């Protein structure tokens, strides 16, 4: 196993890995929505190239670890918006509603800890 810096080129591969978990549900809407959703999940978590790592073995990518510091930002929201110009309103809203549900669940979990 080798650990090295994660690069932007790895986003497609990580998105394919995420599709194994998240894509099945999103694929019910369309394969294009599933692809965009899984790529967005990866981009959403990727803030700092300096704090992004991947673990590989002879079979390829096995794991990722992303971290960030307070104040770090990324372009995930802009990227997501750029993917939808030719989609219908309904197809565009599915990932946004789903992400809002996930965010709401995370906030609820965080508040329950306090």
N, C-alpha and C. Protein backbone atom coordinates (compact mmCIF):
# COMPACT_ATOMS: atom_id res chain seq x y z
N UNK A 1 0.86 -1.18 0.00
CA UNK A 1 0.00 0.00 0.00
C UNK A 1 0.90 1.23 0.00
N UNK A 2 0.57 2.17 -0.89
CA UNK A 2 1.31 3.42 -1.01
C UNK A 2 0.34 4.57 -0.76
N UNK A 3 0.78 5.53 0.04
CA UNK A 3 -0.02 6.73 0.28
C UNK A 3 0.65 7.88 -0.43
N UNK A 4 -0.15 8.61 -1.23
CA UNK A 4 0.40 9.75 -1.95
C UNK A 4 -0.63 10.86 -2.01
N UNK A 5 -0.19 12.00 -2.51
CA UNK A 5 -1.05 13.17 -2.63
C UNK A 5 -2.19 12.88 -3.61
N UNK A 6 -3.40 13.29 -3.25
CA UNK A 6 -4.54 13.17 -4.15
C UNK A 6 -4.48 14.29 -5.17
N UNK A 7 -4.84 13.99 -6.41
CA UNK A 7 -4.85 15.01 -7.45
C UNK A 7 -6.25 15.12 -8.05
N UNK A 8 -6.53 16.22 -8.70
CA UNK A 8 -7.82 16.46 -9.34
C UNK A 8 -8.17 15.34 -10.34
N UNK A 9 -7.16 14.74 -10.93
CA UNK A 9 -7.41 13.68 -11.90
C UNK A 9 -8.09 12.48 -11.24
N UNK A 10 -7.97 12.35 -9.93
CA UNK A 10 -8.57 11.23 -9.22
C UNK A 10 -10.06 11.38 -8.96
N UNK A 11 -10.61 12.55 -9.25
CA UNK A 11 -12.03 12.79 -8.94
C UNK A 11 -12.94 11.81 -9.66
N UNK A 12 -12.69 11.54 -10.93
CA UNK A 12 -13.54 10.61 -11.68
C UNK A 12 -13.49 9.21 -11.07
N UNK A 13 -12.31 8.77 -10.68
CA UNK A 13 -12.18 7.44 -10.09
C UNK A 13 -12.88 7.36 -8.74
N UNK A 14 -12.71 8.38 -7.92
CA UNK A 14 -13.40 8.41 -6.62
C UNK A 14 -14.91 8.47 -6.82
N UNK A 15 -15.34 9.22 -7.80
CA UNK A 15 -16.78 9.30 -8.10
C UNK A 15 -17.33 7.93 -8.48
N UNK A 16 -16.55 7.16 -9.23
CA UNK A 16 -16.98 5.80 -9.58
C UNK A 16 -17.08 4.92 -8.33
N UNK A 17 -16.14 5.11 -7.41
CA UNK A 17 -16.20 4.35 -6.15
C UNK A 17 -17.44 4.77 -5.35
N UNK A 18 -17.71 6.07 -5.31
CA UNK A 18 -18.88 6.57 -4.59
C UNK A 18 -20.17 6.07 -5.22
N UNK A 19 -20.15 5.88 -6.52
CA UNK A 19 -21.35 5.41 -7.21
C UNK A 19 -21.78 4.04 -6.71
N UNK A 20 -20.83 3.26 -6.22
CA UNK A 20 -21.17 1.95 -5.65
C UNK A 20 -22.06 2.06 -4.43
N UNK A 21 -21.96 3.19 -3.73
CA UNK A 21 -22.77 3.41 -2.53
C UNK A 21 -23.93 4.36 -2.81
N UNK A 22 -23.60 5.54 -3.32
CA UNK A 22 -24.59 6.60 -3.50
C UNK A 22 -25.27 6.56 -4.86
N UNK A 23 -24.59 6.05 -5.86
CA UNK A 23 -25.09 6.11 -7.22
C UNK A 23 -26.32 5.27 -7.48
N UNK A 24 -26.47 4.16 -6.76
CA UNK A 24 -27.62 3.30 -7.00
C UNK A 24 -28.92 4.04 -6.74
N UNK A 25 -28.95 4.76 -5.64
CA UNK A 25 -30.16 5.52 -5.31
C UNK A 25 -30.35 6.67 -6.30
N UNK A 26 -29.29 7.39 -6.60
CA UNK A 26 -29.40 8.51 -7.53
C UNK A 26 -29.63 8.03 -8.95
N UNK A 27 -29.16 6.83 -9.28
CA UNK A 27 -29.35 6.28 -10.62
C UNK A 27 -30.80 6.04 -10.96
N UNK A 28 -31.64 5.95 -9.93
CA UNK A 28 -33.08 5.79 -10.19
C UNK A 28 -33.62 7.01 -10.91
N UNK A 29 -32.96 8.14 -10.76
CA UNK A 29 -33.40 9.38 -11.41
C UNK A 29 -32.85 9.46 -12.83
N UNK A 30 -31.59 9.16 -13.01
CA UNK A 30 -30.95 9.02 -14.32
C UNK A 30 -29.47 8.78 -14.08
N UNK A 31 -28.82 8.14 -15.05
CA UNK A 31 -27.40 7.87 -14.88
C UNK A 31 -26.60 9.17 -14.87
N UNK A 32 -27.06 10.18 -15.60
CA UNK A 32 -26.37 11.47 -15.61
C UNK A 32 -26.45 12.15 -14.25
N UNK A 33 -27.62 12.08 -13.60
CA UNK A 33 -27.76 12.65 -12.26
C UNK A 33 -26.85 11.90 -11.30
N UNK A 34 -26.80 10.58 -11.40
CA UNK A 34 -25.94 9.77 -10.51
C UNK A 34 -24.47 10.15 -10.70
N UNK A 35 -24.03 10.31 -11.95
CA UNK A 35 -22.63 10.68 -12.21
C UNK A 35 -22.31 12.04 -11.61
N UNK A 36 -23.18 13.01 -11.84
CA UNK A 36 -22.96 14.36 -11.33
C UNK A 36 -22.98 14.36 -9.81
N UNK A 37 -23.93 13.65 -9.23
CA UNK A 37 -24.05 13.61 -7.77
C UNK A 37 -22.78 13.03 -7.14
N UNK A 38 -22.28 11.94 -7.68
CA UNK A 38 -21.09 11.30 -7.10
C UNK A 38 -19.83 12.14 -7.31
N UNK A 39 -19.73 12.82 -8.44
CA UNK A 39 -18.60 13.72 -8.62
C UNK A 39 -18.71 14.90 -7.66
N UNK A 40 -19.92 15.39 -7.46
CA UNK A 40 -20.09 16.50 -6.53
C UNK A 40 -19.72 16.10 -5.10
N UNK A 41 -20.09 14.91 -4.67
CA UNK A 41 -19.72 14.46 -3.32
C UNK A 41 -18.21 14.51 -3.13
N UNK A 42 -17.48 14.09 -4.15
CA UNK A 42 -16.02 14.12 -4.07
C UNK A 42 -15.51 15.55 -4.02
N UNK A 43 -15.99 16.39 -4.91
CA UNK A 43 -15.55 17.79 -4.95
C UNK A 43 -15.96 18.55 -3.68
N UNK A 44 -17.11 18.21 -3.13
CA UNK A 44 -17.62 18.85 -1.92
C UNK A 44 -16.67 18.63 -0.74
N UNK A 45 -16.05 17.47 -0.71
CA UNK A 45 -15.15 17.12 0.40
C UNK A 45 -13.71 17.56 0.16
N UNK A 46 -13.38 17.93 -1.05
CA UNK A 46 -12.00 18.27 -1.41
C UNK A 46 -11.78 19.77 -1.29
N UNK A 47 -11.12 20.18 -0.23
CA UNK A 47 -10.86 21.60 0.01
C UNK A 47 -9.40 21.97 -0.21
N UNK A 48 -8.51 21.17 0.30
CA UNK A 48 -7.10 21.52 0.29
C UNK A 48 -6.28 20.42 -0.38
N UNK A 49 -5.61 20.76 -1.46
CA UNK A 49 -4.75 19.78 -2.13
C UNK A 49 -3.63 19.32 -1.22
N UNK A 50 -3.21 20.19 -0.31
CA UNK A 50 -2.14 19.83 0.62
C UNK A 50 -2.59 18.81 1.66
N UNK A 51 -3.89 18.73 1.90
CA UNK A 51 -4.42 17.83 2.93
C UNK A 51 -5.30 16.74 2.33
N UNK A 52 -5.04 16.38 1.08
CA UNK A 52 -5.81 15.34 0.40
C UNK A 52 -4.86 14.21 -0.01
N UNK A 53 -5.20 13.00 0.43
CA UNK A 53 -4.32 11.85 0.18
C UNK A 53 -5.11 10.67 -0.36
N UNK A 54 -4.39 9.79 -1.03
CA UNK A 54 -5.01 8.57 -1.53
C UNK A 54 -4.09 7.40 -1.23
N UNK A 55 -4.72 6.24 -0.98
CA UNK A 55 -3.98 5.01 -0.74
C UNK A 55 -4.21 4.08 -1.92
N UNK A 56 -3.12 3.57 -2.47
CA UNK A 56 -3.18 2.68 -3.62
C UNK A 56 -2.40 1.41 -3.34
N UNK A 57 -2.85 0.33 -3.95
CA UNK A 57 -2.07 -0.90 -3.95
C UNK A 57 -2.00 -1.40 -5.39
N UNK A 58 -1.58 -2.63 -5.57
CA UNK A 58 -1.42 -3.15 -6.94
C UNK A 58 -2.76 -3.22 -7.70
N UNK A 59 -3.88 -3.16 -7.00
CA UNK A 59 -5.19 -3.18 -7.65
C UNK A 59 -5.73 -1.77 -7.91
N UNK A 60 -4.99 -0.75 -7.51
CA UNK A 60 -5.42 0.62 -7.76
C UNK A 60 -5.84 1.35 -6.50
N UNK A 61 -6.64 2.39 -6.67
CA UNK A 61 -7.08 3.24 -5.57
C UNK A 61 -7.94 2.44 -4.58
N UNK A 62 -7.61 2.54 -3.30
CA UNK A 62 -8.34 1.81 -2.27
C UNK A 62 -9.01 2.72 -1.26
N UNK A 63 -8.46 3.91 -1.05
CA UNK A 63 -9.02 4.81 -0.04
C UNK A 63 -8.57 6.24 -0.30
N UNK A 64 -9.34 7.18 0.26
CA UNK A 64 -8.97 8.59 0.22
C UNK A 64 -9.12 9.17 1.61
N UNK A 65 -8.39 10.22 1.87
CA UNK A 65 -8.51 10.96 3.13
C UNK A 65 -8.39 12.44 2.80
N UNK A 66 -9.47 13.17 3.05
CA UNK A 66 -9.48 14.61 2.79
C UNK A 66 -9.63 15.33 4.12
N UNK A 67 -8.88 16.39 4.29
CA UNK A 67 -9.00 17.24 5.48
C UNK A 67 -8.95 18.69 5.02
N UNK A 68 -9.36 19.58 5.90
CA UNK A 68 -9.31 21.01 5.58
C UNK A 68 -9.20 21.80 6.86
N UNK A 69 -8.82 23.04 6.71
CA UNK A 69 -8.67 23.95 7.84
C UNK A 69 -9.82 24.95 7.84
N UNK A 70 -10.14 25.49 8.99
CA UNK A 70 -11.19 26.52 9.02
C UNK A 70 -10.86 27.63 8.02
N UNK A 71 -11.85 28.03 7.29
CA UNK A 71 -11.67 29.09 6.29
C UNK A 71 -11.35 28.58 4.90
N UNK A 72 -10.99 27.29 4.75
CA UNK A 72 -10.74 26.75 3.42
C UNK A 72 -12.05 26.75 2.63
N UNK A 73 -11.95 26.94 1.35
CA UNK A 73 -13.13 26.91 0.49
C UNK A 73 -12.85 26.03 -0.73
N UNK A 74 -13.91 25.70 -1.45
CA UNK A 74 -13.74 24.98 -2.71
C UNK A 74 -14.79 25.46 -3.70
N UNK A 75 -14.73 24.91 -4.90
CA UNK A 75 -15.65 25.36 -5.95
C UNK A 75 -16.73 24.33 -6.26
N UNK A 76 -17.05 23.46 -5.32
CA UNK A 76 -18.01 22.38 -5.56
C UNK A 76 -19.37 22.90 -5.99
N UNK A 77 -19.86 23.94 -5.36
CA UNK A 77 -21.19 24.47 -5.70
C UNK A 77 -21.19 25.07 -7.11
N UNK A 78 -20.14 25.79 -7.46
CA UNK A 78 -20.04 26.35 -8.82
C UNK A 78 -19.95 25.25 -9.86
N UNK A 79 -19.15 24.23 -9.56
CA UNK A 79 -19.02 23.11 -10.48
C UNK A 79 -20.37 22.44 -10.67
N UNK A 80 -21.10 22.22 -9.58
CA UNK A 80 -22.39 21.55 -9.66
C UNK A 80 -23.36 22.34 -10.54
N UNK A 81 -23.43 23.64 -10.33
CA UNK A 81 -24.32 24.47 -11.15
C UNK A 81 -23.94 24.41 -12.63
N UNK A 82 -22.66 24.30 -12.91
CA UNK A 82 -22.21 24.28 -14.31
C UNK A 82 -22.60 22.99 -15.04
N UNK A 83 -23.00 21.98 -14.31
CA UNK A 83 -23.32 20.69 -14.92
C UNK A 83 -24.76 20.59 -15.42
N UNK A 84 -25.61 21.54 -15.06
CA UNK A 84 -27.03 21.39 -15.32
C UNK A 84 -27.66 22.28 -16.40
N UNK A 85 -26.92 22.97 -17.22
CA UNK A 85 -27.58 23.90 -18.14
C UNK A 85 -28.56 23.23 -19.11
N UNK A 86 -28.34 21.99 -19.46
CA UNK A 86 -29.21 21.33 -20.44
C UNK A 86 -30.19 20.34 -19.81
N UNK A 87 -30.28 20.32 -18.49
CA UNK A 87 -31.19 19.39 -17.82
C UNK A 87 -32.50 20.06 -17.48
N UNK A 88 -33.53 19.26 -17.38
CA UNK A 88 -34.83 19.79 -16.99
C UNK A 88 -34.78 20.25 -15.54
N UNK A 89 -35.71 21.07 -15.17
CA UNK A 89 -35.79 21.56 -13.80
C UNK A 89 -35.90 20.40 -12.82
N UNK A 90 -36.71 19.41 -13.12
CA UNK A 90 -36.90 18.27 -12.22
C UNK A 90 -35.60 17.53 -12.01
N UNK A 91 -34.87 17.23 -13.08
CA UNK A 91 -33.60 16.52 -12.94
C UNK A 91 -32.58 17.34 -12.18
N UNK A 92 -32.61 18.65 -12.35
CA UNK A 92 -31.67 19.52 -11.62
C UNK A 92 -31.94 19.52 -10.13
N UNK A 93 -33.19 19.46 -9.73
CA UNK A 93 -33.53 19.61 -8.31
C UNK A 93 -33.25 18.36 -7.50
N UNK A 94 -33.25 17.19 -8.10
CA UNK A 94 -33.07 15.94 -7.35
C UNK A 94 -31.79 15.95 -6.51
N UNK A 95 -30.61 16.21 -7.09
CA UNK A 95 -29.41 16.20 -6.27
C UNK A 95 -29.41 17.28 -5.18
N UNK A 96 -29.96 18.45 -5.48
CA UNK A 96 -29.99 19.53 -4.50
C UNK A 96 -30.85 19.15 -3.29
N UNK A 97 -32.02 18.58 -3.55
CA UNK A 97 -32.90 18.16 -2.45
C UNK A 97 -32.23 17.07 -1.63
N UNK A 98 -31.59 16.13 -2.29
CA UNK A 98 -30.91 15.04 -1.60
C UNK A 98 -29.78 15.58 -0.73
N UNK A 99 -28.99 16.50 -1.27
CA UNK A 99 -27.90 17.09 -0.50
C UNK A 99 -28.43 17.87 0.70
N UNK A 100 -29.55 18.55 0.54
CA UNK A 100 -30.16 19.26 1.67
C UNK A 100 -30.58 18.28 2.76
N UNK A 101 -31.11 17.14 2.37
CA UNK A 101 -31.50 16.13 3.36
C UNK A 101 -30.28 15.61 4.11
N UNK A 102 -29.19 15.36 3.39
CA UNK A 102 -27.96 14.90 4.04
C UNK A 102 -27.44 15.96 5.00
N UNK A 103 -27.40 17.21 4.55
CA UNK A 103 -26.91 18.30 5.40
C UNK A 103 -27.78 18.44 6.64
N UNK A 104 -29.09 18.34 6.48
CA UNK A 104 -30.00 18.45 7.61
C UNK A 104 -29.74 17.34 8.62
N UNK A 105 -29.50 16.14 8.13
CA UNK A 105 -29.21 15.01 9.00
C UNK A 105 -27.90 15.22 9.76
N UNK A 106 -26.89 15.76 9.08
CA UNK A 106 -25.60 16.02 9.73
C UNK A 106 -25.74 17.08 10.81
N UNK A 107 -26.51 18.12 10.54
CA UNK A 107 -26.73 19.18 11.53
C UNK A 107 -27.44 18.61 12.73
N UNK A 108 -28.46 17.80 12.50
CA UNK A 108 -29.20 17.19 13.61
C UNK A 108 -28.29 16.33 14.47
N UNK A 109 -27.43 15.55 13.81
CA UNK A 109 -26.48 14.70 14.54
C UNK A 109 -25.50 15.54 15.34
N UNK A 110 -25.00 16.60 14.72
CA UNK A 110 -24.04 17.46 15.42
C UNK A 110 -24.70 18.14 16.63
N UNK A 111 -25.92 18.61 16.46
CA UNK A 111 -26.62 19.28 17.57
C UNK A 111 -26.93 18.32 18.71
N UNK A 112 -27.16 17.05 18.39
CA UNK A 112 -27.46 16.09 19.44
C UNK A 112 -26.22 15.80 20.31
N UNK A 113 -25.04 16.05 19.77
CA UNK A 113 -23.81 15.85 20.53
C UNK A 113 -23.59 16.98 21.53
N UNK A 114 -24.03 18.18 21.17
CA UNK A 114 -23.81 19.35 22.02
C UNK A 114 -24.57 19.28 23.28
